[in-house]
Amino acid sequence: GAATRSGGLGTARSPLPEGWEQAVTPEGEVYYINHITKTTSWLDPHLGNSNERERHRESEQESERPTPWSQ
């Protein structure tokens, strides 16, 4: 089998997606910077795509729009 090489960083986590950087607040809290969209997030980008959740929330709001005849 192929030998797996570690990056020497001592972390089991895979590298962040392209454009992302991990940073730490002065209080020691870890957060993530997306340089592509120029946004920050408390959520690890490995944990899933937050854009999917945003899209879902928007579609829910669409369906909750009142109709004139629902008085």
N, C-alpha and C. Protein backbone atom coordinates (compact mmCIF):
# COMPACT_ATOMS: atom_id res chain seq x y z
N GLY A 1 0.82 -1.21 0.00
CA GLY A 1 0.00 0.00 0.00
C GLY A 1 0.85 1.25 0.00
N ALA A 2 0.24 2.36 -0.30
CA ALA A 2 0.96 3.64 -0.35
C ALA A 2 1.15 4.16 1.07
N ALA A 3 2.31 4.69 1.32
CA ALA A 3 2.58 5.27 2.63
C ALA A 3 1.91 6.63 2.72
N THR A 4 1.27 6.87 3.85
CA THR A 4 0.65 8.18 4.04
C THR A 4 1.63 9.09 4.74
N ARG A 5 1.75 10.31 4.24
CA ARG A 5 2.67 11.26 4.83
C ARG A 5 1.89 12.33 5.58
N SER A 6 2.31 12.62 6.78
CA SER A 6 1.69 13.72 7.50
C SER A 6 2.39 15.01 7.11
N GLY A 7 1.67 16.11 7.23
CA GLY A 7 2.26 17.40 6.86
C GLY A 7 3.23 17.92 7.90
N GLY A 8 3.40 17.19 9.00
CA GLY A 8 4.31 17.63 10.02
C GLY A 8 3.71 18.68 10.94
N LEU A 9 2.43 18.98 10.77
CA LEU A 9 1.79 19.99 11.61
C LEU A 9 1.27 19.40 12.91
N GLY A 10 1.19 18.09 12.99
CA GLY A 10 0.72 17.45 14.20
C GLY A 10 -0.79 17.48 14.35
N THR A 11 -1.50 17.81 13.30
CA THR A 11 -2.96 17.84 13.39
C THR A 11 -3.53 16.73 12.52
N ALA A 12 -4.60 16.12 13.02
CA ALA A 12 -5.25 15.06 12.26
C ALA A 12 -6.20 15.65 11.23
N ARG A 13 -6.52 16.93 11.39
CA ARG A 13 -7.49 17.57 10.51
C ARG A 13 -6.87 17.83 9.13
N SER A 14 -7.70 17.67 8.11
CA SER A 14 -7.23 17.95 6.76
C SER A 14 -7.08 19.46 6.58
N PRO A 15 -6.33 19.88 5.57
CA PRO A 15 -6.17 21.33 5.36
C PRO A 15 -7.51 22.01 5.14
N LEU A 16 -7.56 23.28 5.47
CA LEU A 16 -8.79 24.05 5.25
C LEU A 16 -9.04 24.16 3.76
N PRO A 17 -10.30 24.33 3.37
CA PRO A 17 -10.61 24.55 1.95
C PRO A 17 -9.88 25.77 1.43
N GLU A 18 -9.70 25.83 0.13
CA GLU A 18 -8.97 26.95 -0.47
C GLU A 18 -9.61 28.28 -0.11
N GLY A 19 -8.79 29.23 0.30
CA GLY A 19 -9.28 30.55 0.64
C GLY A 19 -9.58 30.73 2.12
N TRP A 20 -9.58 29.63 2.89
CA TRP A 20 -9.90 29.71 4.32
C TRP A 20 -8.64 29.80 5.15
N GLU A 21 -8.75 30.48 6.28
CA GLU A 21 -7.66 30.58 7.24
C GLU A 21 -8.23 30.44 8.65
N GLN A 22 -7.53 29.72 9.51
CA GLN A 22 -7.95 29.62 10.90
C GLN A 22 -7.25 30.73 11.68
N ALA A 23 -7.99 31.39 12.55
CA ALA A 23 -7.44 32.47 13.36
C ALA A 23 -7.96 32.32 14.79
N VAL A 24 -7.36 33.09 15.69
CA VAL A 24 -7.74 33.02 17.09
C VAL A 24 -7.96 34.44 17.60
N THR A 25 -9.07 34.64 18.31
CA THR A 25 -9.36 35.95 18.89
C THR A 25 -8.41 36.21 20.06
N PRO A 26 -8.31 37.46 20.51
CA PRO A 26 -7.49 37.75 21.70
C PRO A 26 -7.94 36.95 22.93
N GLU A 27 -9.20 36.52 22.94
CA GLU A 27 -9.71 35.73 24.06
C GLU A 27 -9.38 34.24 23.91
N GLY A 28 -8.77 33.88 22.79
CA GLY A 28 -8.38 32.49 22.58
C GLY A 28 -9.43 31.64 21.88
N GLU A 29 -10.45 32.28 21.32
CA GLU A 29 -11.49 31.54 20.61
C GLU A 29 -11.09 31.37 19.14
N VAL A 30 -11.23 30.16 18.65
CA VAL A 30 -10.86 29.87 17.27
C VAL A 30 -12.00 30.27 16.34
N TYR A 31 -11.66 30.94 15.24
CA TYR A 31 -12.64 31.23 14.20
C TYR A 31 -11.98 31.07 12.85
N TYR A 32 -12.76 31.20 11.80
CA TYR A 32 -12.28 30.91 10.45
C TYR A 32 -12.56 32.09 9.54
N ILE A 33 -11.58 32.39 8.69
CA ILE A 33 -11.70 33.51 7.75
C ILE A 33 -11.78 32.95 6.34
N ASN A 34 -12.79 33.41 5.60
CA ASN A 34 -12.89 33.06 4.18
C ASN A 34 -12.43 34.26 3.39
N HIS A 35 -11.22 34.16 2.81
CA HIS A 35 -10.67 35.29 2.07
C HIS A 35 -11.34 35.48 0.72
N ILE A 36 -12.02 34.47 0.23
CA ILE A 36 -12.69 34.57 -1.07
C ILE A 36 -13.94 35.45 -0.95
N THR A 37 -14.76 35.17 0.08
CA THR A 37 -15.99 35.95 0.26
C THR A 37 -15.81 37.08 1.26
N LYS A 38 -14.59 37.16 1.86
CA LYS A 38 -14.29 38.18 2.86
C LYS A 38 -15.29 38.14 4.02
N THR A 39 -15.52 36.92 4.52
CA THR A 39 -16.39 36.73 5.67
C THR A 39 -15.64 35.94 6.73
N THR A 40 -16.18 35.94 7.95
CA THR A 40 -15.64 35.11 9.02
C THR A 40 -16.75 34.21 9.54
N SER A 41 -16.34 33.11 10.17
CA SER A 41 -17.30 32.15 10.68
C SER A 41 -16.75 31.49 11.93
N TRP A 42 -17.63 31.21 12.88
CA TRP A 42 -17.24 30.41 14.04
C TRP A 42 -17.23 28.93 13.68
N LEU A 43 -17.89 28.56 12.57
CA LEU A 43 -18.05 27.16 12.21
C LEU A 43 -16.87 26.69 11.36
N ASP A 44 -16.35 25.53 11.71
CA ASP A 44 -15.29 24.92 10.93
C ASP A 44 -15.83 24.61 9.53
N PRO A 45 -15.15 25.08 8.48
CA PRO A 45 -15.64 24.82 7.12
C PRO A 45 -15.72 23.32 6.79
N HIS A 46 -15.02 22.47 7.54
CA HIS A 46 -15.11 21.03 7.31
C HIS A 46 -16.47 20.47 7.71
N LEU A 47 -17.20 21.18 8.55
CA LEU A 47 -18.43 20.62 9.12
C LEU A 47 -19.62 20.72 8.19
N GLY A 48 -19.44 21.25 7.03
CA GLY A 48 -20.56 21.32 6.09
C GLY A 48 -20.63 22.70 5.47
N ASN A 49 -21.48 22.82 4.48
CA ASN A 49 -21.58 24.04 3.72
C ASN A 49 -22.68 24.91 4.32
N SER A 50 -22.30 26.03 4.92
CA SER A 50 -23.30 26.91 5.53
C SER A 50 -24.20 27.54 4.48
N ASN A 51 -23.74 27.62 3.23
CA ASN A 51 -24.58 28.18 2.17
C ASN A 51 -25.84 27.35 1.97
N GLU A 52 -25.75 26.04 2.17
CA GLU A 52 -26.92 25.18 2.04
C GLU A 52 -27.96 25.57 3.08
N ARG A 53 -27.52 25.80 4.32
CA ARG A 53 -28.47 26.18 5.36
C ARG A 53 -29.09 27.54 5.06
N GLU A 54 -28.29 28.48 4.56
CA GLU A 54 -28.82 29.80 4.21
C GLU A 54 -29.91 29.67 3.16
N ARG A 55 -29.65 28.88 2.14
CA ARG A 55 -30.61 28.70 1.06
C ARG A 55 -31.90 28.09 1.60
N HIS A 56 -31.76 27.12 2.50
CA HIS A 56 -32.94 26.47 3.08
C HIS A 56 -33.75 27.48 3.88
N ARG A 57 -33.09 28.33 4.65
CA ARG A 57 -33.80 29.31 5.46
C ARG A 57 -34.55 30.29 4.56
N GLU A 58 -33.94 30.70 3.46
CA GLU A 58 -34.62 31.62 2.54
C GLU A 58 -35.87 30.98 1.95
N SER A 59 -35.78 29.71 1.59
CA SER A 59 -36.94 29.05 0.99
C SER A 59 -38.06 28.89 2.02
N GLU A 60 -37.70 28.70 3.31
CA GLU A 60 -38.73 28.64 4.34
C GLU A 60 -39.45 29.97 4.46
N GLN A 61 -38.70 31.06 4.41
CA GLN A 61 -39.32 32.38 4.51
C GLN A 61 -40.24 32.63 3.32
N GLU A 62 -39.85 32.16 2.16
CA GLU A 62 -40.71 32.30 0.99
C GLU A 62 -42.07 31.66 1.24
N SER A 63 -42.07 30.43 1.80
CA SER A 63 -43.33 29.71 1.98
C SER A 63 -44.18 30.32 3.09
N GLU A 64 -43.55 31.10 4.00
CA GLU A 64 -44.32 31.70 5.09
C GLU A 64 -44.92 33.05 4.72
N ARG A 65 -44.71 33.48 3.51
CA ARG A 65 -45.25 34.77 3.08
C ARG A 65 -46.78 34.70 3.09
N PRO A 66 -47.45 35.64 3.79
CA PRO A 66 -48.91 35.58 3.86
C PRO A 66 -49.55 35.84 2.50
N THR A 67 -50.66 35.21 2.26
CA THR A 67 -51.41 35.44 1.03
C THR A 67 -52.63 36.29 1.36
N PRO A 68 -53.12 37.09 0.43
CA PRO A 68 -54.22 38.02 0.72
C PRO A 68 -55.47 37.31 1.22
N TRP A 69 -55.67 36.05 0.84
CA TRP A 69 -56.91 35.39 1.22
C TRP A 69 -56.77 34.56 2.50
N SER A 70 -55.62 34.66 3.21
CA SER A 70 -55.46 33.86 4.43
C SER A 70 -55.70 34.73 5.67
N GLN A 71 -56.82 35.44 5.68
CA GLN A 71 -57.14 36.33 6.81
C GLN A 71 -57.80 35.56 7.95
